[in-house]
Amino acid sequence: LLSALPYIGTMLVEWLWGGFSVNNATLNRFYSLHFPLPSILLMMVMIHLMFLHETGSNNPLGVNSDNYKIIFHNYYTLKDLLGFMYLILILLIIIFEDPYLLGDPENFIMA
């Protein structure tokens, strides 16, 4: 995707790959990025929640009345639970009606 950028695309691709093709240096670079990335994302989420807890969220719609607010626990918890149950039901129907539909075709090759 970087090679589609005009003028600097090929230079960025070669810098990212560590050469003209994907090789061991590329794998080392991506693994080095892949390993600390979850910890970095977790720290960013924790900092975000800390700032949100300290300053509070804003009110972009300007709804100040409690009558227009929807409580989280009963409404959204049951709504998400119902959606999850629908997905499980659809998956169970697919599994029981055609159990080999989601399987790999190579499983039927004789050994």
PDB file of N, CA and C in Angstrom:
ATOM      1  N   LEU A   1       0.810  -1.194   0.000  1.00  0.00           N
ATOM      2  CA  LEU A   1       0.000   0.000   0.000  1.00  0.00           C
ATOM      3  C   LEU A   1       0.853   1.257   0.000  1.00  0.00           C
ATOM      4  N   LEU A   2       1.979   1.189   0.637  1.00  0.00           N
ATOM      5  CA  LEU A   2       2.841   2.369   0.660  1.00  0.00           C
ATOM      6  C   LEU A   2       3.423   2.670  -0.712  1.00  0.00           C
ATOM      7  N   SER A   3       3.576   1.650  -1.540  1.00  0.00           N
ATOM      8  CA  SER A   3       4.161   1.880  -2.857  1.00  0.00           C
ATOM      9  C   SER A   3       3.224   2.657  -3.768  1.00  0.00           C
ATOM     10  N   ALA A   4       1.960   2.785  -3.411  1.00  0.00           N
ATOM     11  CA  ALA A   4       1.012   3.558  -4.210  1.00  0.00           C
ATOM     12  C   ALA A   4       1.182   5.057  -4.010  1.00  0.00           C
ATOM     13  N   LEU A   5       1.917   5.464  -2.986  1.00  0.00           N
ATOM     14  CA  LEU A   5       2.150   6.892  -2.766  1.00  0.00           C
ATOM     15  C   LEU A   5       3.114   7.424  -3.821  1.00  0.00           C
ATOM     16  N   PRO A   6       2.794   8.546  -4.427  1.00  0.00           N
ATOM     17  CA  PRO A   6       3.699   9.071  -5.453  1.00  0.00           C
ATOM     18  C   PRO A   6       4.999   9.597  -4.847  1.00  0.00           C
ATOM     19  N   TYR A   7       6.063   9.448  -5.591  1.00  0.00           N
ATOM     20  CA  TYR A   7       7.406   9.963  -5.300  1.00  0.00           C
ATOM     21  C   TYR A   7       8.101   9.252  -4.138  1.00  0.00           C
ATOM     22  N   ILE A   8       7.442   9.080  -3.001  1.00  0.00           N
ATOM     23  CA  ILE A   8       8.134   8.520  -1.833  1.00  0.00           C
ATOM     24  C   ILE A   8       7.687   7.101  -1.508  1.00  0.00           C
ATOM     25  N   GLY A   9       6.753   6.534  -2.283  1.00  0.00           N
ATOM     26  CA  GLY A   9       6.194   5.225  -1.968  1.00  0.00           C
ATOM     27  C   GLY A   9       7.208   4.108  -1.993  1.00  0.00           C
ATOM     28  N   THR A  10       7.982   4.028  -3.067  1.00  0.00           N
ATOM     29  CA  THR A  10       8.966   2.942  -3.156  1.00  0.00           C
ATOM     30  C   THR A  10      10.059   3.094  -2.109  1.00  0.00           C
ATOM     31  N   MET A  11      10.430   4.332  -1.803  1.00  0.00           N
ATOM     32  CA  MET A  11      11.444   4.554  -0.771  1.00  0.00           C
ATOM     33  C   MET A  11      10.919   4.101   0.600  1.00  0.00           C
ATOM     34  N   LEU A  12       9.643   4.388   0.896  1.00  0.00           N
ATOM     35  CA  LEU A  12       9.061   3.956   2.170  1.00  0.00           C
ATOM     36  C   LEU A  12       8.962   2.441   2.250  1.00  0.00           C
ATOM     37  N   VAL A  13       8.606   1.804   1.133  1.00  0.00           N
ATOM     38  CA  VAL A  13       8.502   0.341   1.129  1.00  0.00           C
ATOM     39  C   VAL A  13       9.866  -0.286   1.368  1.00  0.00           C
ATOM     40  N   GLU A  14      10.884   0.216   0.711  1.00  0.00           N
ATOM     41  CA  GLU A  14      12.231  -0.328   0.917  1.00  0.00           C
ATOM     42  C   GLU A  14      12.717  -0.092   2.339  1.00  0.00           C
ATOM     43  N   TRP A  15      12.376   1.049   2.918  1.00  0.00           N
ATOM     44  CA  TRP A  15      12.766   1.320   4.305  1.00  0.00           C
ATOM     45  C   TRP A  15      12.034   0.389   5.265  1.00  0.00           C
ATOM     46  N   LEU A  16      10.729   0.159   5.010  1.00  0.00           N
ATOM     47  CA  LEU A  16       9.941  -0.708   5.885  1.00  0.00           C
ATOM     48  C   LEU A  16      10.387  -2.157   5.776  1.00  0.00           C
ATOM     49  N   TRP A  17      10.675  -2.598   4.552  1.00  0.00           N
ATOM     50  CA  TRP A  17      11.106  -3.971   4.344  1.00  0.00           C
ATOM     51  C   TRP A  17      12.545  -4.195   4.781  1.00  0.00           C
ATOM     52  N   GLY A  18      13.351  -3.167   4.787  1.00  0.00           N
ATOM     53  CA  GLY A  18      14.761  -3.323   5.103  1.00  0.00           C
ATOM     54  C   GLY A  18      15.575  -3.758   3.906  1.00  0.00           C
ATOM     55  N   GLY A  19      15.047  -3.591   2.721  1.00  0.00           N
ATOM     56  CA  GLY A  19      15.740  -3.968   1.486  1.00  0.00           C
ATOM     57  C   GLY A  19      14.748  -3.955   0.340  1.00  0.00           C
ATOM     58  N   PHE A  20      15.141  -4.635  -0.756  1.00  0.00           N
ATOM     59  CA  PHE A  20      14.281  -4.644  -1.936  1.00  0.00           C
ATOM     60  C   PHE A  20      13.200  -5.710  -1.868  1.00  0.00           C
ATOM     61  N   SER A  21      13.306  -6.640  -0.955  1.00  0.00           N
ATOM     62  CA  SER A  21      12.308  -7.703  -0.840  1.00  0.00           C
ATOM     63  C   SER A  21      12.099  -8.041   0.635  1.00  0.00           C
ATOM     64  N   VAL A  22      11.046  -8.810   0.877  1.00  0.00           N
ATOM     65  CA  VAL A  22      10.753  -9.244   2.245  1.00  0.00           C
ATOM     66  C   VAL A  22      11.750 -10.343   2.608  1.00  0.00           C
ATOM     67  N   ASN A  23      12.451 -10.147   3.710  1.00  0.00           N
ATOM     68  CA  ASN A  23      13.439 -11.140   4.126  1.00  0.00           C
ATOM     69  C   ASN A  23      13.480 -11.195   5.647  1.00  0.00           C
ATOM     70  N   ASN A  24      14.554 -11.708   6.197  1.00  0.00           N
ATOM     71  CA  ASN A  24      14.673 -11.888   7.638  1.00  0.00           C
ATOM     72  C   ASN A  24      14.634 -10.557   8.387  1.00  0.00           C
ATOM     73  N   ALA A  25      15.205  -9.514   7.816  1.00  0.00           N
ATOM     74  CA  ALA A  25      15.183  -8.200   8.470  1.00  0.00           C
ATOM     75  C   ALA A  25      13.751  -7.687   8.602  1.00  0.00           C
ATOM     76  N   THR A  26      12.937  -7.952   7.590  1.00  0.00           N
ATOM     77  CA  THR A  26      11.533  -7.529   7.643  1.00  0.00           C
ATOM     78  C   THR A  26      10.804  -8.251   8.766  1.00  0.00           C
ATOM     79  N   LEU A  27      11.019  -9.547   8.867  1.00  0.00           N
ATOM     80  CA  LEU A  27      10.358 -10.313   9.924  1.00  0.00           C
ATOM     81  C   LEU A  27      10.805  -9.848  11.300  1.00  0.00           C
ATOM     82  N   ASN A  28      12.080  -9.548  11.454  1.00  0.00           N
ATOM     83  CA  ASN A  28      12.573  -9.051  12.739  1.00  0.00           C
ATOM     84  C   ASN A  28      11.957  -7.705  13.083  1.00  0.00           C
ATOM     85  N   ARG A  29      11.826  -6.838  12.090  1.00  0.00           N
ATOM     86  CA  ARG A  29      11.223  -5.529  12.352  1.00  0.00           C
ATOM     87  C   ARG A  29       9.766  -5.664  12.764  1.00  0.00           C
ATOM     88  N   PHE A  30       9.010  -6.481  12.028  1.00  0.00           N
ATOM     89  CA  PHE A  30       7.598  -6.623  12.360  1.00  0.00           C
ATOM     90  C   PHE A  30       7.399  -7.339  13.694  1.00  0.00           C
ATOM     91  N   TYR A  31       8.262  -8.313  14.002  1.00  0.00           N
ATOM     92  CA  TYR A  31       8.153  -8.972  15.298  1.00  0.00           C
ATOM     93  C   TYR A  31       8.507  -8.009  16.424  1.00  0.00           C
ATOM     94  N   SER A  32       9.520  -7.175  16.206  1.00  0.00           N
ATOM     95  CA  SER A  32       9.896  -6.195  17.227  1.00  0.00           C
ATOM     96  C   SER A  32       8.784  -5.191  17.468  1.00  0.00           C
ATOM     97  N   LEU A  33       8.016  -4.868  16.442  1.00  0.00           N
ATOM     98  CA  LEU A  33       6.868  -3.982  16.601  1.00  0.00           C
ATOM     99  C   LEU A  33       5.687  -4.729  17.214  1.00  0.00           C
ATOM    100  N   HIS A  34       5.510  -5.991  16.817  1.00  0.00           N
ATOM    101  CA  HIS A  34       4.368  -6.780  17.270  1.00  0.00           C
ATOM    102  C   HIS A  34       4.444  -7.097  18.761  1.00  0.00           C
ATOM    103  N   PHE A  35       5.626  -7.284  19.284  1.00  0.00           N
ATOM    104  CA  PHE A  35       5.763  -7.697  20.683  1.00  0.00           C
ATOM    105  C   PHE A  35       5.348  -6.608  21.675  1.00  0.00           C
ATOM    106  N   PRO A  36       5.825  -5.351  21.578  1.00  0.00           N
ATOM    107  CA  PRO A  36       5.435  -4.338  22.580  1.00  0.00           C
ATOM    108  C   PRO A  36       4.127  -3.617  22.266  1.00  0.00           C
ATOM    109  N   LEU A  37       3.560  -3.826  21.070  1.00  0.00           N
ATOM    110  CA  LEU A  37       2.368  -3.077  20.681  1.00  0.00           C
ATOM    111  C   LEU A  37       1.180  -3.291  21.621  1.00  0.00           C
ATOM    112  N   PRO A  38       0.857  -4.513  22.083  1.00  0.00           N
ATOM    113  CA  PRO A  38      -0.258  -4.649  23.034  1.00  0.00           C
ATOM    114  C   PRO A  38      -0.028  -3.901  24.340  1.00  0.00           C
ATOM    115  N   SER A  39       1.200  -3.888  24.834  1.00  0.00           N
ATOM    116  CA  SER A  39       1.482  -3.150  26.068  1.00  0.00           C
ATOM    117  C   SER A  39       1.327  -1.650  25.859  1.00  0.00           C
ATOM    118  N   ILE A  40       1.766  -1.161  24.706  1.00  0.00           N
ATOM    119  CA  ILE A  40       1.615   0.263  24.402  1.00  0.00           C
ATOM    120  C   ILE A  40       0.142   0.634  24.301  1.00  0.00           C
ATOM    121  N   LEU A  41      -0.634  -0.202  23.625  1.00  0.00           N
ATOM    122  CA  LEU A  41      -2.067   0.070  23.504  1.00  0.00           C
ATOM    123  C   LEU A  41      -2.763   0.018  24.858  1.00  0.00           C
ATOM    124  N   LEU A  42      -2.372  -0.926  25.704  1.00  0.00           N
ATOM    125  CA  LEU A  42      -2.960  -1.008  27.036  1.00  0.00           C
ATOM    126  C   LEU A  42      -2.647   0.237  27.853  1.00  0.00           C
ATOM    127  N   MET A  43      -1.415   0.710  27.770  1.00  0.00           N
ATOM    128  CA  MET A  43      -1.054   1.934  28.489  1.00  0.00           C
ATOM    129  C   MET A  43      -1.833   3.140  27.967  1.00  0.00           C
ATOM    130  N   MET A  44      -2.034   3.209  26.646  1.00  0.00           N
ATOM    131  CA  MET A  44      -2.800   4.323  26.083  1.00  0.00           C
ATOM    132  C   MET A  44      -4.251   4.284  26.544  1.00  0.00           C
ATOM    133  N   VAL A  45      -4.832   3.089  26.626  1.00  0.00           N
ATOM    134  CA  VAL A  45      -6.207   2.964  27.114  1.00  0.00           C
ATOM    135  C   VAL A  45      -6.284   3.360  28.579  1.00  0.00           C
ATOM    136  N   MET A  46      -5.296   2.946  29.376  1.00  0.00           N
ATOM    137  CA  MET A  46      -5.305   3.304  30.795  1.00  0.00           C
ATOM    138  C   MET A  46      -5.159   4.813  30.985  1.00  0.00           C
ATOM    139  N   ILE A  47      -4.296   5.449  30.198  1.00  0.00           N
ATOM    140  CA  ILE A  47      -4.143   6.906  30.286  1.00  0.00           C
ATOM    141  C   ILE A  47      -5.431   7.597  29.859  1.00  0.00           C
ATOM    142  N   HIS A  48      -6.055   7.089  28.811  1.00  0.00           N
ATOM    143  CA  HIS A  48      -7.324   7.656  28.354  1.00  0.00           C
ATOM    144  C   HIS A  48      -8.394   7.550  29.442  1.00  0.00           C
ATOM    145  N   LEU A  49      -8.499   6.397  30.074  1.00  0.00           N
ATOM    146  CA  LEU A  49      -9.490   6.225  31.138  1.00  0.00           C
ATOM    147  C   LEU A  49      -9.165   7.087  32.349  1.00  0.00           C
ATOM    148  N   MET A  50      -7.886   7.276  32.638  1.00  0.00           N
ATOM    149  CA  MET A  50      -7.501   8.136  33.752  1.00  0.00           C
ATOM    150  C   MET A  50      -7.929   9.580  33.481  1.00  0.00           C
ATOM    151  N   PHE A  51      -7.642  10.082  32.272  1.00  0.00           N
ATOM    152  CA  PHE A  51      -8.061  11.441  31.932  1.00  0.00           C
ATOM    153  C   PHE A  51      -9.577  11.565  31.909  1.00  0.00           C
ATOM    154  N   LEU A  52     -10.260  10.544  31.414  1.00  0.00           N
ATOM    155  CA  LEU A  52     -11.719  10.574  31.380  1.00  0.00           C
ATOM    156  C   LEU A  52     -12.287  10.576  32.789  1.00  0.00           C
ATOM    157  N   HIS A  53     -11.656   9.842  33.695  1.00  0.00           N
ATOM    158  CA  HIS A  53     -12.127   9.792  35.078  1.00  0.00           C
ATOM    159  C   HIS A  53     -11.886  11.120  35.791  1.00  0.00           C
ATOM    160  N   GLU A  54     -10.760  11.762  35.507  1.00  0.00           N
ATOM    161  CA  GLU A  54     -10.438  13.021  36.184  1.00  0.00           C
ATOM    162  C   GLU A  54     -11.271  14.191  35.671  1.00  0.00           C
ATOM    163  N   THR A  55     -11.390  14.312  34.360  1.00  0.00           N
ATOM    164  CA  THR A  55     -12.073  15.484  33.800  1.00  0.00           C
ATOM    165  C   THR A  55     -13.541  15.231  33.520  1.00  0.00           C
ATOM    166  N   GLY A  56     -13.930  13.997  33.344  1.00  0.00           N
ATOM    167  CA  GLY A  56     -15.311  13.684  32.992  1.00  0.00           C
ATOM    168  C   GLY A  56     -15.523  13.841  31.500  1.00  0.00           C
ATOM    169  N   SER A  57     -16.600  13.272  31.015  1.00  0.00           N
ATOM    170  CA  SER A  57     -16.888  13.378  29.588  1.00  0.00           C
ATOM    171  C   SER A  57     -17.717  14.625  29.329  1.00  0.00           C
ATOM    172  N   ASN A  58     -17.643  15.103  28.098  1.00  0.00           N
ATOM    173  CA  ASN A  58     -18.412  16.300  27.767  1.00  0.00           C
ATOM    174  C   ASN A  58     -19.821  15.912  27.325  1.00  0.00           C
ATOM    175  N   ASN A  59     -20.630  16.893  27.054  1.00  0.00           N
ATOM    176  CA  ASN A  59     -22.023  16.683  26.699  1.00  0.00           C
ATOM    177  C   ASN A  59     -22.279  17.347  25.348  1.00  0.00           C
ATOM    178  N   PRO A  60     -21.950  16.663  24.229  1.00  0.00           N
ATOM    179  CA  PRO A  60     -22.056  17.328  22.930  1.00  0.00           C
ATOM    180  C   PRO A  60     -23.493  17.588  22.499  1.00  0.00           C
ATOM    181  N   LEU A  61     -24.439  16.799  22.959  1.00  0.00           N
ATOM    182  CA  LEU A  61     -25.827  17.002  22.557  1.00  0.00           C
ATOM    183  C   LEU A  61     -26.529  18.036  23.417  1.00  0.00           C
ATOM    184  N   GLY A  62     -25.970  18.358  24.558  1.00  0.00           N
ATOM    185  CA  GLY A  62     -26.589  19.343  25.433  1.00  0.00           C
ATOM    186  C   GLY A  62     -27.782  18.808  26.194  1.00  0.00           C
ATOM    187  N   VAL A  63     -27.875  17.486  26.366  1.00  0.00           N
ATOM    188  CA  VAL A  63     -28.995  16.887  27.091  1.00  0.00           C
ATOM    189  C   VAL A  63     -28.697  17.000  28.580  1.00  0.00           C
ATOM    190  N   ASN A  64     -29.438  17.814  29.264  1.00  0.00           N
ATOM    191  CA  ASN A  64     -29.212  18.014  30.690  1.00  0.00           C
ATOM    192  C   ASN A  64     -30.252  17.309  31.549  1.00  0.00           C
ATOM    193  N   SER A  65     -31.329  16.878  30.956  1.00  0.00           N
ATOM    194  CA  SER A  65     -32.400  16.266  31.725  1.00  0.00           C
ATOM    195  C   SER A  65     -32.134  14.779  31.907  1.00  0.00           C
ATOM    196  N   ASP A  66     -32.453  14.275  33.082  1.00  0.00           N
ATOM    197  CA  ASP A  66     -32.298  12.843  33.333  1.00  0.00           C
ATOM    198  C   ASP A  66     -33.378  12.026  32.639  1.00  0.00           C
ATOM    199  N   ASN A  67     -34.444  12.666  32.190  1.00  0.00           N
ATOM    200  CA  ASN A  67     -35.522  11.944  31.521  1.00  0.00           C
ATOM    201  C   ASN A  67     -35.089  11.388  30.171  1.00  0.00           C
ATOM    202  N   TYR A  68     -34.133  12.035  29.507  1.00  0.00           N
ATOM    203  CA  TYR A  68     -33.700  11.611  28.185  1.00  0.00           C
ATOM    204  C   TYR A  68     -32.526  10.643  28.229  1.00  0.00           C
ATOM    205  N   LYS A  69     -32.002  10.388  29.385  1.00  0.00           N
ATOM    206  CA  LYS A  69     -30.858   9.499  29.510  1.00  0.00           C
ATOM    207  C   LYS A  69     -31.334   8.060  29.638  1.00  0.00           C
ATOM    208  N   ILE A  70     -30.549   7.143  29.083  1.00  0.00           N
ATOM    209  CA  ILE A  70     -30.862   5.719  29.140  1.00  0.00           C
ATOM    210  C   ILE A  70     -29.851   5.064  30.067  1.00  0.00           C
ATOM    211  N   ILE A  71     -30.331   4.285  31.037  1.00  0.00           N
ATOM    212  CA  ILE A  71     -29.421   3.620  31.962  1.00  0.00           C
ATOM    213  C   ILE A  71     -28.687   2.495  31.233  1.00  0.00           C
ATOM    214  N   PHE A  72     -27.457   2.302  31.604  1.00  0.00           N
ATOM    215  CA  PHE A  72     -26.605   1.361  30.881  1.00  0.00           C
ATOM    216  C   PHE A  72     -26.949  -0.086  31.196  1.00  0.00           C
ATOM    217  N   HIS A  73     -27.044  -0.426  32.493  1.00  0.00           N
ATOM    218  CA  HIS A  73     -27.065  -1.836  32.879  1.00  0.00           C
ATOM    219  C   HIS A  73     -28.262  -2.583  32.326  1.00  0.00           C
ATOM    220  N   ASN A  74     -29.424  -2.129  32.566  1.00  0.00           N
ATOM    221  CA  ASN A  74     -30.558  -2.924  32.110  1.00  0.00           C
ATOM    222  C   ASN A  74     -30.709  -2.886  30.594  1.00  0.00           C
ATOM    223  N   TYR A  75     -30.638  -1.701  30.009  1.00  0.00           N
ATOM    224  CA  TYR A  75     -30.942  -1.585  28.585  1.00  0.00           C
ATOM    225  C   TYR A  75     -29.835  -2.166  27.709  1.00  0.00           C
ATOM    226  N   TYR A  76     -28.631  -1.641  27.829  1.00  0.00           N
ATOM    227  CA  TYR A  76     -27.562  -2.049  26.921  1.00  0.00           C
ATOM    228  C   TYR A  76     -27.027  -3.439  27.240  1.00  0.00           C
ATOM    229  N   THR A  77     -27.044  -3.840  28.484  1.00  0.00           N
ATOM    230  CA  THR A  77     -26.594  -5.187  28.817  1.00  0.00           C
ATOM    231  C   THR A  77     -27.521  -6.221  28.204  1.00  0.00           C
ATOM    232  N   LEU A  78     -28.818  -6.031  28.340  1.00  0.00           N
ATOM    233  CA  LEU A  78     -29.767  -6.977  27.756  1.00  0.00           C
ATOM    234  C   LEU A  78     -29.755  -6.911  26.232  1.00  0.00           C
ATOM    235  N   LYS A  79     -29.572  -5.736  25.682  1.00  0.00           N
ATOM    236  CA  LYS A  79     -29.505  -5.585  24.233  1.00  0.00           C
ATOM    237  C   LYS A  79     -28.299  -6.329  23.667  1.00  0.00           C
ATOM    238  N   ASP A  80     -27.131  -6.177  24.275  1.00  0.00           N
ATOM    239  CA  ASP A  80     -25.939  -6.883  23.821  1.00  0.00           C
ATOM    240  C   ASP A  80     -26.064  -8.382  24.046  1.00  0.00           C
ATOM    241  N   LEU A  81     -26.665  -8.780  25.160  1.00  0.00           N
ATOM    242  CA  LEU A  81     -26.868 -10.196  25.442  1.00  0.00           C
ATOM    243  C   LEU A  81     -27.800 -10.824  24.416  1.00  0.00           C
ATOM    244  N   LEU A  82     -28.842 -10.111  24.026  1.00  0.00           N
ATOM    245  CA  LEU A  82     -29.770 -10.624  23.024  1.00  0.00           C
ATOM    246  C   LEU A  82     -29.077 -10.760  21.670  1.00  0.00           C
ATOM    247  N   GLY A  83     -28.264  -9.789  21.292  1.00  0.00           N
ATOM    248  CA  GLY A  83     -27.514  -9.886  20.042  1.00  0.00           C
ATOM    249  C   GLY A  83     -26.537 -11.046  20.059  1.00  0.00           C
ATOM    250  N   PHE A  84     -25.874 -11.263  21.189  1.00  0.00           N
ATOM    251  CA  PHE A  84     -24.957 -12.392  21.324  1.00  0.00           C
ATOM    252  C   PHE A  84     -25.709 -13.714  21.208  1.00  0.00           C
ATOM    253  N   MET A  85     -26.892 -13.786  21.816  1.00  0.00           N
ATOM    254  CA  MET A  85     -27.698 -15.011  21.740  1.00  0.00           C
ATOM    255  C   MET A  85     -28.154 -15.278  20.302  1.00  0.00           C
ATOM    256  N   TYR A  86     -28.496 -14.221  19.549  1.00  0.00           N
ATOM    257  CA  TYR A  86     -28.862 -14.390  18.145  1.00  0.00           C
ATOM    258  C   TYR A  86     -27.691 -14.942  17.339  1.00  0.00           C
ATOM    259  N   LEU A  87     -26.500 -14.422  17.580  1.00  0.00           N
ATOM    260  CA  LEU A  87     -25.333 -14.917  16.858  1.00  0.00           C
ATOM    261  C   LEU A  87     -25.047 -16.381  17.186  1.00  0.00           C
ATOM    262  N   ILE A  88     -25.164 -16.744  18.448  1.00  0.00           N
ATOM    263  CA  ILE A  88     -24.959 -18.142  18.842  1.00  0.00           C
ATOM    264  C   ILE A  88     -26.023 -19.032  18.216  1.00  0.00           C
ATOM    265  N   LEU A  89     -27.270 -18.561  18.175  1.00  0.00           N
ATOM    266  CA  LEU A  89     -28.352 -19.330  17.562  1.00  0.00           C
ATOM    267  C   LEU A  89     -28.091 -19.551  16.079  1.00  0.00           C
ATOM    268  N   ILE A  90     -27.658 -18.513  15.368  1.00  0.00           N
ATOM    269  CA  ILE A  90     -27.354 -18.658  13.944  1.00  0.00           C
ATOM    270  C   ILE A  90     -26.206 -19.640  13.745  1.00  0.00           C
ATOM    271  N   LEU A  91     -25.173 -19.550  14.573  1.00  0.00           N
ATOM    272  CA  LEU A  91     -24.049 -20.476  14.467  1.00  0.00           C
ATOM    273  C   LEU A  91     -24.485 -21.910  14.754  1.00  0.00           C
ATOM    274  N   LEU A  92     -25.335 -22.114  15.754  1.00  0.00           N
ATOM    275  CA  LEU A  92     -25.816 -23.465  16.061  1.00  0.00           C
ATOM    276  C   LEU A  92     -26.676 -24.018  14.934  1.00  0.00           C
ATOM    277  N   ILE A  93     -27.495 -23.183  14.327  1.00  0.00           N
ATOM    278  CA  ILE A  93     -28.312 -23.639  13.199  1.00  0.00           C
ATOM    279  C   ILE A  93     -27.414 -24.068  12.043  1.00  0.00           C
ATOM    280  N   ILE A  94     -26.391 -23.273  11.750  1.00  0.00           N
ATOM    281  CA  ILE A  94     -25.460 -23.636  10.678  1.00  0.00           C
ATOM    282  C   ILE A  94     -24.743 -24.936  11.014  1.00  0.00           C
ATOM    283  N   ILE A  95     -24.317 -25.095  12.255  1.00  0.00           N
ATOM    284  CA  ILE A  95     -23.574 -26.296  12.651  1.00  0.00           C
ATOM    285  C   ILE A  95     -24.451 -27.538  12.576  1.00  0.00           C
ATOM    286  N   PHE A  96     -25.702 -27.443  13.031  1.00  0.00           N
ATOM    287  CA  PHE A  96     -26.556 -28.623  13.053  1.00  0.00           C
ATOM    288  C   PHE A  96     -27.169 -28.934  11.694  1.00  0.00           C
ATOM    289  N   GLU A  97     -27.386 -27.949  10.850  1.00  0.00           N
ATOM    290  CA  GLU A  97     -27.957 -28.200   9.532  1.00  0.00           C
ATOM    291  C   GLU A  97     -26.903 -28.704   8.546  1.00  0.00           C
ATOM    292  N   ASP A  98     -25.728 -28.117   8.539  1.00  0.00           N
ATOM    293  CA  ASP A  98     -24.666 -28.506   7.620  1.00  0.00           C
ATOM    294  C   ASP A  98     -23.333 -28.434   8.362  1.00  0.00           C
ATOM    295  N   PRO A  99     -22.968 -29.497   9.077  1.00  0.00           N
ATOM    296  CA  PRO A  99     -21.782 -29.428   9.935  1.00  0.00           C
ATOM    297  C   PRO A  99     -20.468 -29.270   9.169  1.00  0.00           C
ATOM    298  N   TYR A 100     -20.436 -29.626   7.884  1.00  0.00           N
ATOM    299  CA  TYR A 100     -19.189 -29.540   7.130  1.00  0.00           C
ATOM    300  C   TYR A 100     -19.070 -28.235   6.347  1.00  0.00           C
ATOM    301  N   LEU A 101     -20.020 -27.323   6.512  1.00  0.00           N
ATOM    302  CA  LEU A 101     -20.015 -26.073   5.752  1.00  0.00           C
ATOM    303  C   LEU A 101     -18.806 -25.213   6.085  1.00  0.00           C
ATOM    304  N   LEU A 102     -18.448 -25.116   7.354  1.00  0.00           N
ATOM    305  CA  LEU A 102     -17.339 -24.265   7.770  1.00  0.00           C
ATOM    306  C   LEU A 102     -16.016 -25.018   7.885  1.00  0.00           C
ATOM    307  N   GLY A 103     -16.018 -26.283   7.501  1.00  0.00           N
ATOM    308  CA  GLY A 103     -14.803 -27.080   7.608  1.00  0.00           C
ATOM    309  C   GLY A 103     -13.882 -26.894   6.412  1.00  0.00           C
ATOM    310  N   ASP A 104     -12.683 -27.383   6.539  1.00  0.00           N
ATOM    311  CA  ASP A 104     -11.692 -27.299   5.478  1.00  0.00           C
ATOM    312  C   ASP A 104     -11.917 -28.452   4.502  1.00  0.00           C
ATOM    313  N   PRO A 105     -11.978 -28.189   3.201  1.00  0.00           N
ATOM    314  CA  PRO A 105     -12.192 -29.279   2.233  1.00  0.00           C
ATOM    315  C   PRO A 105     -11.071 -30.316   2.234  1.00  0.00           C
ATOM    316  N   GLU A 106      -9.893 -29.948   2.693  1.00  0.00           N
ATOM    317  CA  GLU A 106      -8.790 -30.908   2.705  1.00  0.00           C
ATOM    318  C   GLU A 106      -8.981 -32.002   3.754  1.00  0.00           C
ATOM    319  N   ASN A 107      -9.945 -31.832   4.640  1.00  0.00           N
ATOM    320  CA  ASN A 107     -10.209 -32.879   5.626  1.00  0.00           C
ATOM    321  C   ASN A 107     -10.812 -34.122   4.986  1.00  0.00           C
ATOM    322  N   PHE A 108     -11.354 -34.004   3.772  1.00  0.00           N
ATOM    323  CA  PHE A 108     -12.006 -35.133   3.121  1.00  0.00           C
ATOM    324  C   PHE A 108     -11.079 -35.881   2.172  1.00  0.00           C
ATOM    325  N   ILE A 109      -9.850 -35.460   2.062  1.00  0.00           N
ATOM    326  CA  ILE A 109      -8.889 -36.153   1.211  1.00  0.00           C
ATOM    327  C   ILE A 109      -8.419 -37.405   1.947  1.00  0.00           C
ATOM    328  N   MET A 110      -8.471 -38.525   1.228  1.00  0.00           N
ATOM    329  CA  MET A 110      -8.072 -39.787   1.846  1.00  0.00           C
ATOM    330  C   MET A 110      -6.565 -39.786   2.105  1.00  0.00           C
ATOM    331  N   ALA A 111      -6.192 -40.339   3.252  1.00  0.00           N
ATOM    332  CA  ALA A 111      -4.773 -40.372   3.622  1.00  0.00           C
ATOM    333  C   ALA A 111      -4.072 -41.491   2.902  1.00  0.00           C
TER     334      ALA A 111
END
